[in-house]
Amino acid sequence: MDGDGHLVAGVGNLGAAPPSWRWRIMPSTGGVTVAGNAASPLYPGAAPSRLDLIIFNHRDAPVLVKHLTVTIKTVEAPHNSASSKCTSADFAARAYGGPPFLAPVGTSTLRKDRVPERLWPTLQMLDLPVNQDGCAEARLKLAYNSIFATQKRRAPLGKAHR
């Protein structure tokens, strides 16, 4: 077994076989962080604002981003009142909607990683049949969650594993 508990079989010396790769699922706290803000103003009836998220990959290898979600954690609404409430129910967040993509080491964005804009996460203020004046100048605190995999190089068969 290797250091990660995976069974490794060394079946003789097969010569100079090329190295192979496997993906290992890692939690998002493992050196990758995500940030971002709405690019356009949010108001009732406006189109969703696409989020060109910033991905900070502090690992020593690219990561395969498999899933990105956006959650509205809190709403700070200075004009909130009993007659015009502003809560997270006034807004909608949509997760990344595409296939896995590779994020390089360092700082990148969805645009730099060539992810089509139509797949980016979005944030929108809903047009509800109630007074939403309490949401004027509201500030949203967003949380991002990601699922990614890292490449882990395996030695060719026939080499010693220690």
N, C-alpha and C. Protein backbone atom coordinates (compact mmCIF):
# COMPACT_ATOMS: atom_id res chain seq x y z
N MET A 1 0.85 -1.18 0.00
CA MET A 1 0.00 0.00 0.00
C MET A 1 0.89 1.24 0.00
N ASP A 2 0.37 2.27 -0.63
CA ASP A 2 1.11 3.53 -0.61
C ASP A 2 0.73 4.32 0.63
N GLY A 3 1.27 5.51 0.78
CA GLY A 3 1.02 6.33 1.97
C GLY A 3 -0.42 6.77 2.12
N ASP A 4 -1.22 6.68 1.06
CA ASP A 4 -2.62 7.09 1.12
C ASP A 4 -3.55 5.90 1.36
N GLY A 5 -3.00 4.71 1.55
CA GLY A 5 -3.84 3.55 1.80
C GLY A 5 -4.34 2.89 0.52
N HIS A 6 -3.82 3.27 -0.65
CA HIS A 6 -4.23 2.66 -1.90
C HIS A 6 -3.37 1.43 -2.16
N LEU A 7 -3.98 0.36 -2.63
CA LEU A 7 -3.24 -0.84 -2.96
C LEU A 7 -2.42 -0.60 -4.22
N VAL A 8 -1.15 -0.89 -4.16
CA VAL A 8 -0.25 -0.69 -5.29
C VAL A 8 0.36 -2.04 -5.64
N ALA A 9 0.27 -2.42 -6.89
CA ALA A 9 0.83 -3.69 -7.32
C ALA A 9 2.04 -3.43 -8.19
N GLY A 10 3.18 -4.01 -7.82
CA GLY A 10 4.37 -3.94 -8.65
C GLY A 10 4.59 -5.30 -9.26
N VAL A 11 4.34 -5.45 -10.55
CA VAL A 11 4.42 -6.76 -11.20
C VAL A 11 5.68 -6.79 -12.05
N GLY A 12 6.80 -7.11 -11.45
CA GLY A 12 8.05 -7.20 -12.19
C GLY A 12 8.49 -5.86 -12.75
N ASN A 13 9.57 -5.88 -13.49
CA ASN A 13 10.08 -4.67 -14.11
C ASN A 13 9.63 -4.66 -15.56
N LEU A 14 8.71 -3.78 -15.87
CA LEU A 14 8.18 -3.70 -17.22
C LEU A 14 8.93 -2.68 -18.06
N GLY A 15 10.04 -2.23 -17.58
CA GLY A 15 10.84 -1.29 -18.35
C GLY A 15 10.45 0.15 -18.04
N ALA A 16 10.71 1.01 -18.99
CA ALA A 16 10.50 2.45 -18.79
C ALA A 16 9.08 2.84 -19.19
N ALA A 17 8.12 2.34 -18.48
CA ALA A 17 6.72 2.69 -18.76
C ALA A 17 6.50 4.16 -18.39
N PRO A 18 5.69 4.86 -19.18
CA PRO A 18 5.42 6.26 -18.84
C PRO A 18 4.64 6.36 -17.53
N PRO A 19 4.81 7.45 -16.79
CA PRO A 19 4.06 7.59 -15.55
C PRO A 19 2.56 7.72 -15.85
N SER A 20 1.76 7.27 -14.92
CA SER A 20 0.31 7.40 -15.08
C SER A 20 -0.20 8.38 -14.03
N TRP A 21 -1.43 8.82 -14.20
CA TRP A 21 -2.02 9.81 -13.32
C TRP A 21 -3.33 9.30 -12.78
N ARG A 22 -3.71 9.73 -11.61
CA ARG A 22 -5.03 9.46 -11.06
C ARG A 22 -5.50 10.74 -10.39
N TRP A 23 -6.80 10.90 -10.28
CA TRP A 23 -7.37 12.08 -9.63
C TRP A 23 -7.77 11.70 -8.22
N ARG A 24 -7.52 12.58 -7.29
CA ARG A 24 -7.87 12.36 -5.90
C ARG A 24 -8.77 13.50 -5.46
N ILE A 25 -9.97 13.18 -4.96
CA ILE A 25 -10.91 14.20 -4.52
C ILE A 25 -10.42 14.78 -3.20
N MET A 26 -10.40 16.11 -3.13
CA MET A 26 -9.91 16.80 -1.93
C MET A 26 -10.95 17.81 -1.47
N PRO A 27 -11.04 18.09 -0.17
CA PRO A 27 -11.94 19.15 0.28
C PRO A 27 -11.45 20.51 -0.18
N SER A 28 -12.36 21.47 -0.29
CA SER A 28 -12.00 22.78 -0.82
C SER A 28 -11.09 23.58 0.10
N THR A 29 -10.88 23.13 1.33
CA THR A 29 -9.99 23.85 2.24
C THR A 29 -8.52 23.52 2.00
N GLY A 30 -8.22 22.63 1.06
CA GLY A 30 -6.86 22.18 0.83
C GLY A 30 -6.04 23.09 -0.06
N GLY A 31 -6.02 24.38 0.19
CA GLY A 31 -5.17 25.26 -0.58
C GLY A 31 -5.84 25.91 -1.77
N VAL A 32 -7.15 25.77 -1.91
CA VAL A 32 -7.87 26.44 -2.99
C VAL A 32 -8.98 27.26 -2.35
N THR A 33 -9.03 28.55 -2.70
CA THR A 33 -10.11 29.40 -2.21
C THR A 33 -10.76 30.09 -3.40
N VAL A 34 -12.00 30.48 -3.21
CA VAL A 34 -12.79 31.10 -4.27
C VAL A 34 -13.36 32.41 -3.74
N ALA A 35 -13.39 33.44 -4.58
CA ALA A 35 -13.96 34.73 -4.21
C ALA A 35 -14.62 35.34 -5.44
N GLY A 36 -15.38 36.38 -5.22
CA GLY A 36 -15.99 37.08 -6.35
C GLY A 36 -17.15 37.96 -5.93
N ASN A 37 -17.55 38.83 -6.82
CA ASN A 37 -18.65 39.76 -6.59
C ASN A 37 -19.50 39.88 -7.84
N ALA A 38 -20.71 40.39 -7.66
CA ALA A 38 -21.58 40.65 -8.80
C ALA A 38 -20.96 41.75 -9.65
N ALA A 39 -21.01 41.58 -10.95
CA ALA A 39 -20.41 42.55 -11.87
C ALA A 39 -21.37 43.68 -12.23
N SER A 40 -22.65 43.48 -11.99
CA SER A 40 -23.64 44.50 -12.34
C SER A 40 -24.59 44.70 -11.16
N PRO A 41 -25.27 45.86 -11.11
CA PRO A 41 -26.18 46.14 -9.99
C PRO A 41 -27.33 45.13 -9.94
N LEU A 42 -27.78 44.87 -8.74
CA LEU A 42 -28.91 43.98 -8.54
C LEU A 42 -30.14 44.82 -8.20
N TYR A 43 -31.22 44.62 -8.93
CA TYR A 43 -32.48 45.30 -8.65
C TYR A 43 -33.60 44.42 -9.21
N PRO A 44 -34.82 44.58 -8.69
CA PRO A 44 -35.92 43.73 -9.15
C PRO A 44 -36.11 43.80 -10.67
N GLY A 45 -36.18 42.65 -11.29
CA GLY A 45 -36.39 42.60 -12.73
C GLY A 45 -35.12 42.61 -13.57
N ALA A 46 -33.98 42.89 -12.97
CA ALA A 46 -32.72 42.91 -13.72
C ALA A 46 -32.30 41.48 -14.07
N ALA A 47 -31.58 41.36 -15.15
CA ALA A 47 -31.04 40.05 -15.54
C ALA A 47 -30.06 39.57 -14.46
N PRO A 48 -29.88 38.27 -14.34
CA PRO A 48 -28.90 37.77 -13.36
C PRO A 48 -27.50 38.32 -13.66
N SER A 49 -26.78 38.63 -12.61
CA SER A 49 -25.40 39.11 -12.74
C SER A 49 -24.47 37.90 -12.71
N ARG A 50 -23.67 37.76 -13.76
CA ARG A 50 -22.72 36.64 -13.81
C ARG A 50 -21.54 36.94 -12.89
N LEU A 51 -21.06 35.89 -12.26
CA LEU A 51 -19.94 36.02 -11.32
C LEU A 51 -18.69 35.40 -11.93
N ASP A 52 -17.75 36.24 -12.36
CA ASP A 52 -16.47 35.75 -12.87
C ASP A 52 -15.60 35.47 -11.65
N LEU A 53 -15.81 34.31 -11.06
CA LEU A 53 -15.15 33.98 -9.79
C LEU A 53 -13.64 33.93 -9.93
N ILE A 54 -12.97 34.31 -8.85
CA ILE A 54 -11.52 34.27 -8.75
C ILE A 54 -11.16 33.01 -8.00
N ILE A 55 -10.29 32.22 -8.59
CA ILE A 55 -9.86 30.97 -7.96
C ILE A 55 -8.40 31.12 -7.57
N PHE A 56 -8.14 30.98 -6.28
CA PHE A 56 -6.78 31.06 -5.75
C PHE A 56 -6.32 29.63 -5.48
N ASN A 57 -5.47 29.10 -6.33
CA ASN A 57 -4.95 27.74 -6.18
C ASN A 57 -3.56 27.84 -5.58
N HIS A 58 -3.46 27.57 -4.28
CA HIS A 58 -2.19 27.66 -3.57
C HIS A 58 -1.44 26.32 -3.58
N ARG A 59 -1.99 25.34 -4.26
CA ARG A 59 -1.35 24.03 -4.34
C ARG A 59 -0.18 24.10 -5.33
N ASP A 60 0.57 23.02 -5.44
CA ASP A 60 1.72 23.02 -6.35
C ASP A 60 1.40 22.36 -7.69
N ALA A 61 0.12 22.16 -7.96
CA ALA A 61 -0.30 21.56 -9.24
C ALA A 61 -1.68 22.09 -9.59
N PRO A 62 -2.03 22.06 -10.87
CA PRO A 62 -3.39 22.47 -11.26
C PRO A 62 -4.44 21.59 -10.57
N VAL A 63 -5.64 22.11 -10.46
CA VAL A 63 -6.75 21.34 -9.88
C VAL A 63 -7.88 21.26 -10.91
N LEU A 64 -8.60 20.17 -10.87
CA LEU A 64 -9.76 19.98 -11.71
C LEU A 64 -10.98 20.41 -10.89
N VAL A 65 -11.56 21.55 -11.25
CA VAL A 65 -12.73 22.08 -10.53
C VAL A 65 -13.95 21.35 -11.05
N LYS A 66 -14.66 20.68 -10.14
CA LYS A 66 -15.80 19.87 -10.55
C LYS A 66 -17.13 20.51 -10.21
N HIS A 67 -17.14 21.41 -9.23
CA HIS A 67 -18.41 21.98 -8.76
C HIS A 67 -18.12 23.29 -8.05
N LEU A 68 -18.93 24.31 -8.30
CA LEU A 68 -18.82 25.60 -7.62
C LEU A 68 -20.23 26.06 -7.25
N THR A 69 -20.44 26.36 -5.99
CA THR A 69 -21.74 26.88 -5.57
C THR A 69 -21.57 28.25 -4.94
N VAL A 70 -22.63 29.03 -4.99
CA VAL A 70 -22.68 30.35 -4.37
C VAL A 70 -23.87 30.34 -3.43
N THR A 71 -23.67 30.77 -2.20
CA THR A 71 -24.73 30.83 -1.21
C THR A 71 -24.78 32.23 -0.62
N ILE A 72 -25.97 32.75 -0.44
CA ILE A 72 -26.14 34.04 0.24
C ILE A 72 -26.16 33.77 1.73
N LYS A 73 -25.10 34.21 2.42
CA LYS A 73 -24.98 33.94 3.86
C LYS A 73 -25.77 34.96 4.68
N THR A 74 -25.59 36.24 4.39
CA THR A 74 -26.30 37.27 5.14
C THR A 74 -26.66 38.42 4.22
N VAL A 75 -27.67 39.17 4.63
CA VAL A 75 -28.07 40.38 3.93
C VAL A 75 -28.06 41.52 4.94
N GLU A 76 -27.26 42.54 4.67
CA GLU A 76 -27.24 43.75 5.50
C GLU A 76 -27.99 44.82 4.71
N ALA A 77 -29.17 45.18 5.19
CA ALA A 77 -30.03 46.12 4.47
C ALA A 77 -30.32 47.33 5.36
N PRO A 78 -29.64 48.45 5.11
CA PRO A 78 -29.83 49.62 5.97
C PRO A 78 -31.24 50.22 5.90
N HIS A 79 -31.99 49.91 4.85
CA HIS A 79 -33.35 50.45 4.71
C HIS A 79 -34.43 49.44 5.07
N ASN A 80 -34.01 48.35 5.68
CA ASN A 80 -34.94 47.31 6.11
C ASN A 80 -35.91 47.90 7.13
N SER A 81 -37.19 47.60 6.98
CA SER A 81 -38.19 48.09 7.94
C SER A 81 -39.29 47.05 8.07
N ALA A 82 -40.19 47.27 8.99
CA ALA A 82 -41.30 46.34 9.19
C ALA A 82 -42.18 46.25 7.95
N SER A 83 -42.30 47.36 7.22
CA SER A 83 -43.16 47.36 6.04
C SER A 83 -42.42 46.95 4.75
N SER A 84 -41.11 46.91 4.81
CA SER A 84 -40.33 46.55 3.63
C SER A 84 -39.10 45.75 4.05
N LYS A 85 -39.31 44.47 4.26
CA LYS A 85 -38.22 43.57 4.68
C LYS A 85 -37.31 43.26 3.50
N CYS A 86 -36.07 42.99 3.81
CA CYS A 86 -35.11 42.53 2.80
C CYS A 86 -34.35 41.36 3.40
N THR A 87 -34.52 40.20 2.80
CA THR A 87 -33.86 38.99 3.29
C THR A 87 -33.23 38.25 2.10
N SER A 88 -32.59 37.15 2.39
CA SER A 88 -31.99 36.35 1.32
C SER A 88 -33.06 35.80 0.37
N ALA A 89 -34.33 35.77 0.81
CA ALA A 89 -35.42 35.30 -0.05
C ALA A 89 -35.69 36.26 -1.21
N ASP A 90 -35.15 37.48 -1.14
CA ASP A 90 -35.30 38.45 -2.23
C ASP A 90 -34.29 38.21 -3.35
N PHE A 91 -33.39 37.26 -3.16
CA PHE A 91 -32.30 37.03 -4.10
C PHE A 91 -32.22 35.55 -4.47
N ALA A 92 -31.58 35.28 -5.59
CA ALA A 92 -31.35 33.90 -6.02
C ALA A 92 -29.92 33.77 -6.50
N ALA A 93 -29.29 32.69 -6.09
CA ALA A 93 -27.94 32.37 -6.53
C ALA A 93 -27.99 31.05 -7.30
N ARG A 94 -27.28 31.00 -8.42
CA ARG A 94 -27.22 29.78 -9.23
C ARG A 94 -25.78 29.31 -9.27
N ALA A 95 -25.58 28.02 -9.11
CA ALA A 95 -24.24 27.42 -9.11
C ALA A 95 -23.65 27.37 -10.51
N TYR A 96 -22.35 27.11 -10.57
CA TYR A 96 -21.67 26.85 -11.84
C TYR A 96 -22.39 25.71 -12.55
N GLY A 97 -22.62 25.83 -13.84
CA GLY A 97 -23.42 24.86 -14.56
C GLY A 97 -22.71 24.16 -15.69
N GLY A 98 -21.46 23.80 -15.52
CA GLY A 98 -20.74 23.20 -16.63
C GLY A 98 -19.92 21.99 -16.22
N PRO A 99 -19.16 21.48 -17.18
CA PRO A 99 -18.29 20.33 -16.91
C PRO A 99 -17.07 20.74 -16.10
N PRO A 100 -16.34 19.78 -15.55
CA PRO A 100 -15.10 20.12 -14.83
C PRO A 100 -14.14 20.89 -15.73
N PHE A 101 -13.37 21.78 -15.11
CA PHE A 101 -12.36 22.55 -15.85
C PHE A 101 -11.10 22.63 -15.00
N LEU A 102 -9.99 22.87 -15.67
CA LEU A 102 -8.69 22.91 -15.01
C LEU A 102 -8.34 24.33 -14.57
N ALA A 103 -8.04 24.50 -13.30
CA ALA A 103 -7.59 25.79 -12.76
C ALA A 103 -6.09 25.68 -12.49
N PRO A 104 -5.29 26.56 -13.06
CA PRO A 104 -3.84 26.47 -12.90
C PRO A 104 -3.39 26.86 -11.49
N VAL A 105 -2.13 26.62 -11.22
CA VAL A 105 -1.52 27.08 -9.98
C VAL A 105 -1.55 28.60 -9.97
N GLY A 106 -1.81 29.19 -8.82
CA GLY A 106 -1.84 30.64 -8.71
C GLY A 106 -3.26 31.17 -8.77
N THR A 107 -3.40 32.40 -9.26
CA THR A 107 -4.69 33.06 -9.31
C THR A 107 -5.22 33.05 -10.73
N SER A 108 -6.47 32.66 -10.85
CA SER A 108 -7.12 32.68 -12.16
C SER A 108 -8.58 33.08 -11.97
N THR A 109 -9.27 33.24 -13.06
CA THR A 109 -10.70 33.53 -13.03
C THR A 109 -11.40 32.57 -13.99
N LEU A 110 -12.71 32.53 -13.91
CA LEU A 110 -13.44 31.68 -14.86
C LEU A 110 -13.14 32.12 -16.29
N ARG A 111 -13.06 33.43 -16.51
CA ARG A 111 -12.75 33.94 -17.86
C ARG A 111 -11.36 33.48 -18.30
N LYS A 112 -10.36 33.62 -17.44
CA LYS A 112 -9.00 33.21 -17.79
C LYS A 112 -8.91 31.70 -18.02
N ASP A 113 -9.75 30.95 -17.30
CA ASP A 113 -9.77 29.49 -17.46
C ASP A 113 -10.63 29.06 -18.64
N ARG A 114 -11.10 30.06 -19.42
CA ARG A 114 -11.88 29.83 -20.64
C ARG A 114 -13.19 29.09 -20.41
N VAL A 115 -13.82 29.39 -19.27
CA VAL A 115 -15.14 28.84 -18.99
C VAL A 115 -16.15 29.76 -19.67
N PRO A 116 -17.04 29.23 -20.51
CA PRO A 116 -18.03 30.09 -21.18
C PRO A 116 -18.91 30.84 -20.17
N GLU A 117 -19.16 32.11 -20.44
CA GLU A 117 -19.94 32.94 -19.51
C GLU A 117 -21.30 32.35 -19.18
N ARG A 118 -21.93 31.69 -20.13
CA ARG A 118 -23.28 31.15 -19.90
C ARG A 118 -23.28 30.09 -18.79
N LEU A 119 -22.09 29.57 -18.42
CA LEU A 119 -21.98 28.55 -17.38
C LEU A 119 -21.61 29.12 -16.01
N TRP A 120 -21.22 30.39 -15.98
CA TRP A 120 -20.78 31.00 -14.72
C TRP A 120 -21.91 31.02 -13.70
N PRO A 121 -21.56 31.00 -12.41
CA PRO A 121 -22.60 31.19 -11.39
C PRO A 121 -23.22 32.59 -11.54
N THR A 122 -24.44 32.72 -11.09
CA THR A 122 -25.12 34.02 -11.18
C THR A 122 -25.76 34.39 -9.85
N LEU A 123 -26.03 35.68 -9.73
CA LEU A 123 -26.73 36.24 -8.59
C LEU A 123 -27.79 37.18 -9.14
N GLN A 124 -28.98 37.13 -8.58
CA GLN A 124 -30.08 37.93 -9.09
C GLN A 124 -30.98 38.38 -7.95
N MET A 125 -31.50 39.60 -8.08
CA MET A 125 -32.55 40.05 -7.17
C MET A 125 -33.88 39.70 -7.83
N LEU A 126 -34.71 38.97 -7.10
CA LEU A 126 -35.99 38.53 -7.64
C LEU A 126 -36.97 39.70 -7.68
N ASP A 127 -37.87 39.68 -8.63
CA ASP A 127 -38.93 40.69 -8.75
C ASP A 127 -40.18 40.11 -8.09
N LEU A 128 -40.33 40.37 -6.81
CA LEU A 128 -41.42 39.79 -6.03
C LEU A 128 -42.62 40.76 -5.96
N PRO A 129 -43.83 40.23 -5.75
CA PRO A 129 -45.02 41.09 -5.69
C PRO A 129 -45.21 41.75 -4.32
N VAL A 130 -44.11 42.20 -3.74
CA VAL A 130 -44.15 42.90 -2.44
C VAL A 130 -43.23 44.11 -2.53
N ASN A 131 -43.35 45.01 -1.57
CA ASN A 131 -42.48 46.17 -1.50
C ASN A 131 -41.05 45.70 -1.18
N GLN A 132 -40.12 46.00 -2.07
CA GLN A 132 -38.73 45.59 -1.86
C GLN A 132 -37.81 46.79 -1.64
N ASP A 133 -38.39 47.93 -1.25
CA ASP A 133 -37.58 49.12 -1.01
C ASP A 133 -36.57 48.90 0.11
N GLY A 134 -36.84 47.98 1.00
CA GLY A 134 -35.89 47.68 2.08
C GLY A 134 -34.57 47.13 1.57
N CYS A 135 -34.54 46.67 0.33
CA CYS A 135 -33.30 46.13 -0.25
C CYS A 135 -32.42 47.19 -0.89
N ALA A 136 -32.87 48.45 -0.91
CA ALA A 136 -32.04 49.52 -1.47
C ALA A 136 -30.73 49.58 -0.68
N GLU A 137 -29.63 49.61 -1.39
CA GLU A 137 -28.28 49.69 -0.81
C GLU A 137 -27.93 48.49 0.06
N ALA A 138 -28.62 47.37 -0.14
CA ALA A 138 -28.31 46.16 0.64
C ALA A 138 -26.95 45.61 0.25
N ARG A 139 -26.30 44.97 1.20
CA ARG A 139 -25.02 44.31 0.96
C ARG A 139 -25.20 42.84 1.27
N LEU A 140 -24.78 42.00 0.34
CA LEU A 140 -24.90 40.56 0.51
C LEU A 140 -23.54 39.97 0.84
N LYS A 141 -23.51 39.08 1.80
CA LYS A 141 -22.29 38.34 2.09
C LYS A 141 -22.49 36.97 1.43
N LEU A 142 -21.58 36.65 0.51
CA LEU A 142 -21.67 35.41 -0.24
C LEU A 142 -20.65 34.40 0.28
N ALA A 143 -21.02 33.14 0.17
CA ALA A 143 -20.10 32.05 0.50
C ALA A 143 -19.96 31.18 -0.73
N TYR A 144 -18.76 30.68 -0.95
CA TYR A 144 -18.49 29.84 -2.12
C TYR A 144 -18.02 28.48 -1.63
N ASN A 145 -18.47 27.45 -2.32
CA ASN A 145 -18.04 26.10 -2.01
C ASN A 145 -17.58 25.46 -3.31
N SER A 146 -16.48 24.75 -3.24
CA SER A 146 -15.98 24.09 -4.44
C SER A 146 -15.63 22.65 -4.15
N ILE A 147 -15.75 21.84 -5.18
CA ILE A 147 -15.28 20.46 -5.13
C ILE A 147 -14.27 20.35 -6.26
N PHE A 148 -13.08 19.87 -5.93
CA PHE A 148 -12.04 19.77 -6.94
C PHE A 148 -11.24 18.51 -6.72
N ALA A 149 -10.48 18.15 -7.71
CA ALA A 149 -9.60 16.99 -7.63
C ALA A 149 -8.20 17.45 -8.00
N THR A 150 -7.21 16.78 -7.43
CA THR A 150 -5.82 17.08 -7.75
C THR A 150 -5.20 15.89 -8.46
N GLN A 151 -4.19 16.16 -9.25
CA GLN A 151 -3.45 15.08 -9.89
C GLN A 151 -2.42 14.55 -8.93
N LYS A 152 -2.31 13.25 -8.87
CA LYS A 152 -1.27 12.64 -8.07
C LYS A 152 -0.52 11.67 -8.97
N ARG A 153 0.74 11.87 -9.11
CA ARG A 153 1.54 11.06 -10.02
C ARG A 153 1.85 9.71 -9.38
N ARG A 154 1.66 8.66 -10.18
CA ARG A 154 2.01 7.31 -9.74
C ARG A 154 3.26 6.87 -10.48
N ALA A 155 4.08 6.13 -9.78
CA ALA A 155 5.29 5.61 -10.41
C ALA A 155 4.90 4.50 -11.38
N PRO A 156 5.68 4.28 -12.44
CA PRO A 156 5.39 3.18 -13.36
C PRO A 156 5.48 1.84 -12.64
N LEU A 157 4.76 0.86 -13.13
CA LEU A 157 4.84 -0.47 -12.56
C LEU A 157 6.28 -0.97 -12.61
N GLY A 158 6.64 -1.77 -11.64
CA GLY A 158 7.99 -2.31 -11.63
C GLY A 158 8.96 -1.50 -10.79
N LYS A 159 8.56 -0.30 -10.41
CA LYS A 159 9.41 0.52 -9.54
C LYS A 159 9.01 0.27 -8.09
N ALA A 160 9.93 0.39 -7.20
CA ALA A 160 9.65 0.16 -5.78
C ALA A 160 8.79 1.28 -5.23
N HIS A 161 7.87 0.90 -4.38
CA HIS A 161 7.01 1.87 -3.68
C HIS A 161 7.38 1.83 -2.21
N ARG A 162 7.75 2.95 -1.68
CA ARG A 162 8.13 2.99 -0.27
C ARG A 162 7.37 4.07 0.43
